[in-house]
Amino acid sequence: MITSVNNDRVKQVVNYIEKSKARREDDVFVIEGMKMLREAPVLQVREVYVTTRFLDKASEEDKEILWRYGAEEVSDEVMKKMAATQTPQGVIAVISQYHYTMEEVLEGYNQDDEGAKPLILVLENIQDPGNVGTMLRSGEGAGVTGIILSKGSADIYNPKVIRSTMGSIFRMPFIYVESIPEVLETLKANGIHTYAAHLKGEKNYDEFDYTHPTAFLIGNEGNGLTKETADAADTYILIPMKGEVESMNAATSSAILTFEASRQRRGK
């Protein structure tokens, strides 16, 4: 049992939580909570830590999972030091990072419906970790087959992103790219029509047909899409708003568009 906050393994987990560089170097990220651990692919799990307090109340099923991974018991003080949340859930795990190819993102790797047409989210310079995580989660619910992010977007392995995904991080293929405009050319070459959520759109988003291979472009929370990226899109689409609201939250825009595509695809 680990009882010292100065233990090297404890310090390493804290390092993973606080520093993206440490996560990249060791190719890992950190999850918290039993729910996330249950959903984690077995081969991705590297280390697991659990408090005695959690074990005392855990179900036999949860105990079996924890022992399968050789979970290390830690004190409540150590867990509080390791956790990224104010009220730790009693379980922390170190997980191997994912490395998807562009082909897997475009083909909808890990999707239940092998015949599903691509439904891609292209995110440019999305800064808020909560937004990125919410987009993964709502995207999975809407049937998004993959996510493409610019290098200027938040780190998908940031603990705030991981918590916001509620497990979707394990199932949603994603990839970071240097140039969004160049990627749009790749999408077009693969028969995927690209739609930019833009205030200059002349038609509302629900006036288009998304039953064909589709990609939605969502820009930075404050500045929207860069001009270069917006110009490279096939079509501008508009999300109409009332009142004095000038722009829609990025995650909200993403959900509106992808669930409209989902609605159309269920109906045809």
Protein backbone atom coordinates (compact mmCIF):
# COMPACT_ATOMS: atom_id res chain seq x y z
CA MET A 1 0.00 0.00 0.00
CA ILE A 2 1.27 3.46 -0.91
CA THR A 3 0.90 5.98 1.90
CA SER A 4 3.46 8.65 0.98
CA VAL A 5 2.66 11.49 -1.41
CA ASN A 6 6.38 11.57 -2.20
CA ASN A 7 6.33 8.09 -3.68
CA ASP A 8 7.87 8.12 -7.18
CA ARG A 9 4.86 6.44 -8.77
CA VAL A 10 2.55 8.99 -7.20
CA LYS A 11 4.71 11.84 -8.46
CA GLN A 12 4.66 10.34 -11.95
CA VAL A 13 0.86 10.16 -12.07
CA VAL A 14 0.64 13.77 -10.89
CA ASN A 15 3.09 14.67 -13.66
CA TYR A 16 0.87 12.98 -16.24
CA ILE A 17 -2.15 14.90 -15.04
CA GLU A 18 -0.43 18.28 -14.95
CA LYS A 19 1.88 18.16 -17.98
CA SER A 20 1.01 17.29 -21.59
CA LYS A 21 4.72 16.84 -22.31
CA ALA A 22 4.97 14.05 -19.74
CA ARG A 23 1.91 12.36 -21.23
CA ARG A 24 3.37 12.56 -24.73
CA GLU A 25 6.78 11.27 -23.69
CA ASP A 26 5.37 8.19 -21.95
CA ASP A 27 2.44 7.82 -24.38
CA VAL A 28 -0.19 7.73 -21.63
CA PHE A 29 -3.12 9.59 -20.11
CA VAL A 30 -5.01 9.32 -16.82
CA ILE A 31 -8.63 8.41 -16.12
CA GLU A 32 -10.57 8.64 -12.87
CA GLY A 33 -13.46 6.61 -11.55
CA MET A 34 -14.67 3.03 -11.76
CA LYS A 35 -17.08 3.77 -14.59
CA MET A 36 -14.25 4.90 -16.85
CA LEU A 37 -12.11 1.91 -15.86
CA ARG A 38 -14.93 -0.51 -16.71
CA GLU A 39 -15.12 1.00 -20.21
CA ALA A 40 -11.37 1.08 -20.82
CA PRO A 41 -10.06 -1.54 -23.27
CA VAL A 42 -8.12 -4.12 -21.28
CA LEU A 43 -4.97 -3.88 -23.38
CA GLN A 44 -4.81 -0.08 -22.90
CA VAL A 45 -4.66 -0.20 -19.09
CA ARG A 46 -1.14 0.18 -17.66
CA GLU A 47 -1.57 0.95 -13.96
CA VAL A 48 -4.49 1.16 -11.53
CA TYR A 49 -4.65 2.75 -8.07
CA VAL A 50 -7.50 2.37 -5.58
CA THR A 51 -8.20 3.52 -2.03
CA THR A 52 -8.95 1.08 0.76
CA ARG A 53 -12.11 3.05 1.44
CA PHE A 54 -13.33 2.36 -2.13
CA LEU A 55 -12.43 -1.34 -1.91
CA ASP A 56 -14.39 -1.76 1.33
CA LYS A 57 -17.58 -0.66 -0.44
CA ALA A 58 -16.89 -2.03 -3.94
CA SER A 59 -19.03 -4.73 -5.54
CA GLU A 60 -17.52 -8.15 -6.16
CA GLU A 61 -17.56 -7.37 -9.89
CA ASP A 62 -15.59 -4.17 -9.40
CA LYS A 63 -13.13 -5.90 -7.09
CA GLU A 64 -12.55 -8.55 -9.73
CA ILE A 65 -11.77 -5.87 -12.32
CA LEU A 66 -9.40 -4.09 -9.95
CA TRP A 67 -7.50 -7.26 -9.04
CA ARG A 68 -7.32 -8.25 -12.71
CA TYR A 69 -5.24 -5.12 -13.26
CA GLY A 70 -3.18 -5.64 -10.13
CA ALA A 71 -4.54 -2.45 -8.58
CA GLU A 72 -2.25 -0.80 -6.05
CA GLU A 73 -3.90 0.31 -2.82
CA VAL A 74 -3.24 3.90 -1.78
CA SER A 75 -4.27 6.04 1.16
CA ASP A 76 -6.97 8.70 0.84
CA GLU A 77 -4.28 11.37 1.16
CA VAL A 78 -2.31 9.89 -1.72
CA MET A 79 -5.42 9.58 -3.88
CA LYS A 80 -6.25 13.23 -3.24
CA LYS A 81 -2.73 14.18 -4.30
CA MET A 82 -2.96 12.11 -7.49
CA ALA A 83 -6.47 13.06 -8.57
CA ALA A 84 -7.29 16.02 -10.81
CA THR A 85 -10.71 16.44 -9.16
CA GLN A 86 -11.59 18.10 -5.85
CA THR A 87 -13.48 15.01 -4.66
CA PRO A 88 -11.63 11.89 -5.90
CA GLN A 89 -13.73 8.86 -6.78
CA GLY A 90 -11.24 6.43 -5.28
CA VAL A 91 -9.93 4.90 -8.52
CA ILE A 92 -7.28 6.19 -10.92
CA ALA A 93 -5.75 4.43 -13.94
CA VAL A 94 -2.93 5.17 -16.35
CA ILE A 95 -3.94 4.33 -19.92
CA SER A 96 -1.98 3.99 -23.15
CA GLN A 97 -2.67 6.72 -25.70
CA TYR A 98 -4.40 6.01 -29.00
CA HIS A 99 -2.77 6.44 -32.41
CA TYR A 100 -5.30 6.47 -35.23
CA THR A 101 -4.57 6.87 -38.91
CA MET A 102 -6.45 9.20 -41.23
CA GLU A 103 -7.89 6.11 -42.91
CA GLU A 104 -9.37 4.90 -39.62
CA VAL A 105 -10.90 8.31 -38.95
CA LEU A 106 -12.45 8.45 -42.41
CA GLU A 107 -13.67 4.86 -42.37
CA GLY A 108 -15.31 5.10 -38.97
CA TYR A 109 -13.01 2.73 -37.12
CA ASN A 110 -14.75 0.97 -34.20
CA GLN A 111 -18.23 1.85 -35.47
CA ASP A 112 -20.94 -0.77 -34.98
CA ASP A 113 -22.46 -0.02 -38.37
CA GLU A 114 -19.79 -0.98 -40.89
CA GLY A 115 -21.84 0.48 -43.73
CA ALA A 116 -22.19 3.91 -42.10
CA LYS A 117 -21.23 6.79 -44.35
CA PRO A 118 -18.57 9.09 -42.92
CA LEU A 119 -19.78 11.82 -40.59
CA ILE A 120 -16.70 13.80 -39.63
CA LEU A 121 -16.14 16.68 -37.21
CA VAL A 122 -13.30 19.01 -38.17
CA LEU A 123 -12.30 21.21 -35.23
CA GLU A 124 -10.07 24.22 -35.77
CA ASN A 125 -8.33 25.77 -32.77
CA ILE A 126 -10.94 24.71 -30.21
CA GLN A 127 -9.33 25.90 -26.99
CA ASP A 128 -11.69 24.88 -24.22
CA PRO A 129 -11.03 21.32 -22.95
CA GLY A 130 -14.67 20.99 -21.89
CA ASN A 131 -15.82 21.81 -25.40
CA VAL A 132 -13.50 19.22 -26.96
CA GLY A 133 -14.65 16.53 -24.54
CA THR A 134 -18.31 17.38 -25.02
CA MET A 135 -17.87 17.20 -28.80
CA LEU A 136 -16.47 13.69 -28.51
CA ARG A 137 -19.33 12.62 -26.27
CA SER A 138 -22.18 14.20 -28.26
CA GLY A 139 -20.45 13.17 -31.48
CA GLU A 140 -20.55 9.52 -30.47
CA GLY A 141 -24.22 9.89 -29.64
CA ALA A 142 -24.95 11.41 -33.04
CA GLY A 143 -23.03 8.74 -34.96
CA VAL A 144 -19.94 10.79 -35.79
CA THR A 145 -17.40 8.41 -37.30
CA GLY A 146 -14.25 10.41 -36.60
CA ILE A 147 -12.82 13.73 -35.43
CA ILE A 148 -10.03 15.79 -36.99
CA LEU A 149 -8.40 18.48 -34.86
CA SER A 150 -5.94 21.22 -35.72
CA LYS A 151 -2.67 21.32 -33.78
CA GLY A 152 -3.92 24.52 -32.16
CA SER A 153 -6.78 22.73 -30.42
CA ALA A 154 -6.78 21.64 -26.78
CA ASP A 155 -4.93 18.45 -25.86
CA ILE A 156 -7.45 15.64 -26.07
CA TYR A 157 -5.69 13.90 -23.16
CA ASN A 158 -6.12 16.88 -20.84
CA PRO A 159 -7.91 15.54 -17.72
CA LYS A 160 -10.78 18.00 -18.25
CA VAL A 161 -11.29 16.64 -21.78
CA ILE A 162 -11.16 13.05 -20.55
CA ARG A 163 -13.80 13.70 -17.88
CA SER A 164 -16.06 15.48 -20.37
CA THR A 165 -15.95 12.57 -22.82
CA MET A 166 -17.55 10.24 -20.23
CA GLY A 167 -15.84 7.27 -21.91
CA SER A 168 -16.15 8.33 -25.55
CA ILE A 169 -12.36 8.78 -25.63
CA PHE A 170 -12.17 4.97 -25.83
CA ARG A 171 -14.37 4.73 -28.91
CA MET A 172 -14.09 7.88 -31.02
CA PRO A 173 -11.29 7.87 -33.61
CA PHE A 174 -9.43 11.18 -33.82
CA ILE A 175 -6.33 12.69 -35.32
CA TYR A 176 -4.42 15.98 -35.06
CA VAL A 177 -3.26 17.62 -38.28
CA GLU A 178 -0.95 20.49 -39.21
CA SER A 179 -3.20 22.07 -41.85
CA ILE A 180 -6.99 21.95 -41.91
CA PRO A 181 -7.25 23.34 -45.49
CA GLU A 182 -4.99 20.54 -46.74
CA VAL A 183 -7.11 17.97 -44.91
CA LEU A 184 -10.23 19.35 -46.58
CA GLU A 185 -8.68 18.45 -49.92
CA THR A 186 -8.22 14.90 -48.62
CA LEU A 187 -11.84 14.77 -47.52
CA LYS A 188 -13.05 15.99 -50.90
CA ALA A 189 -10.87 13.41 -52.65
CA ASN A 190 -12.68 10.78 -50.57
CA GLY A 191 -16.09 12.04 -51.64
CA ILE A 192 -16.84 13.82 -48.35
CA HIS A 193 -18.73 17.13 -48.64
CA THR A 194 -17.49 19.80 -46.23
CA TYR A 195 -19.82 22.26 -44.49
CA ALA A 196 -18.52 25.28 -42.59
CA ALA A 197 -20.65 26.61 -39.73
CA HIS A 198 -20.37 30.30 -40.58
CA LEU A 199 -22.24 33.56 -39.97
CA LYS A 200 -22.02 34.29 -43.70
CA GLY A 201 -24.06 31.21 -44.54
CA GLU A 202 -27.06 32.12 -46.69
CA LYS A 203 -29.11 29.01 -45.92
CA ASN A 204 -30.00 27.43 -42.61
CA TYR A 205 -28.27 24.20 -41.65
CA ASP A 206 -31.48 22.14 -41.88
CA GLU A 207 -31.94 22.96 -45.57
CA PHE A 208 -29.14 20.63 -46.66
CA ASP A 209 -28.91 16.87 -47.22
CA TYR A 210 -26.42 15.15 -44.89
CA THR A 211 -27.24 11.57 -45.81
CA HIS A 212 -24.16 11.51 -48.03
CA PRO A 213 -20.56 11.49 -46.64
CA THR A 214 -20.36 14.69 -44.61
CA ALA A 215 -17.89 16.77 -42.62
CA PHE A 216 -18.80 19.71 -40.39
CA LEU A 217 -16.21 22.42 -39.71
CA ILE A 218 -16.33 24.11 -36.30
CA GLY A 219 -14.03 27.03 -35.50
CA ASN A 220 -12.43 28.66 -32.48
CA GLU A 221 -14.75 29.76 -29.67
CA GLY A 222 -13.87 33.44 -30.06
CA ASN A 223 -12.84 33.85 -33.67
CA GLY A 224 -14.59 31.07 -35.55
CA LEU A 225 -12.94 29.43 -38.54
CA THR A 226 -9.91 31.06 -40.10
CA LYS A 227 -10.58 32.64 -43.49
CA GLU A 228 -8.31 30.10 -45.21
CA THR A 229 -10.25 27.17 -43.77
CA ALA A 230 -13.67 28.70 -44.36
CA ASP A 231 -12.77 29.47 -47.98
CA ALA A 232 -11.69 25.86 -48.50
CA ALA A 233 -15.07 24.46 -47.40
CA ASP A 234 -17.61 23.36 -50.01
CA THR A 235 -20.57 25.09 -48.39
CA TYR A 236 -21.36 27.66 -45.70
CA ILE A 237 -24.25 26.78 -43.39
CA LEU A 238 -25.99 29.01 -40.88
CA ILE A 239 -27.42 28.21 -37.46
CA PRO A 240 -30.14 30.87 -37.06
CA MET A 241 -30.32 32.67 -33.72
CA LYS A 242 -32.73 35.13 -32.13
CA GLY A 243 -32.14 37.95 -29.70
CA GLU A 244 -28.74 39.64 -29.58
CA VAL A 245 -26.68 36.45 -29.59
CA GLU A 246 -23.86 36.80 -32.12
CA SER A 247 -22.46 33.30 -32.06
CA MET A 248 -23.21 29.80 -30.79
CA ASN A 249 -21.04 27.86 -28.35
CA ALA A 250 -18.75 25.57 -30.35
CA ALA A 251 -19.89 22.38 -28.63
CA THR A 252 -23.54 23.38 -28.99
CA SER A 253 -23.06 24.09 -32.70
CA SER A 254 -21.42 20.72 -33.13
CA ALA A 255 -24.31 18.93 -31.41
CA ILE A 256 -26.96 20.77 -33.43
CA LEU A 257 -25.33 19.91 -36.76
CA THR A 258 -24.39 16.30 -36.06
CA PHE A 259 -27.78 15.41 -34.58
CA GLU A 260 -29.49 16.94 -37.62
CA ALA A 261 -27.36 14.64 -39.77
CA SER A 262 -28.29 11.74 -37.48
CA ARG A 263 -31.99 12.59 -37.78
CA GLN A 264 -31.79 12.66 -41.57
CA ARG A 265 -29.89 9.39 -41.74
CA ARG A 266 -32.41 7.62 -39.52
CA GLY A 267 -35.26 8.88 -41.68
CA LYS A 268 -33.84 7.84 -45.07
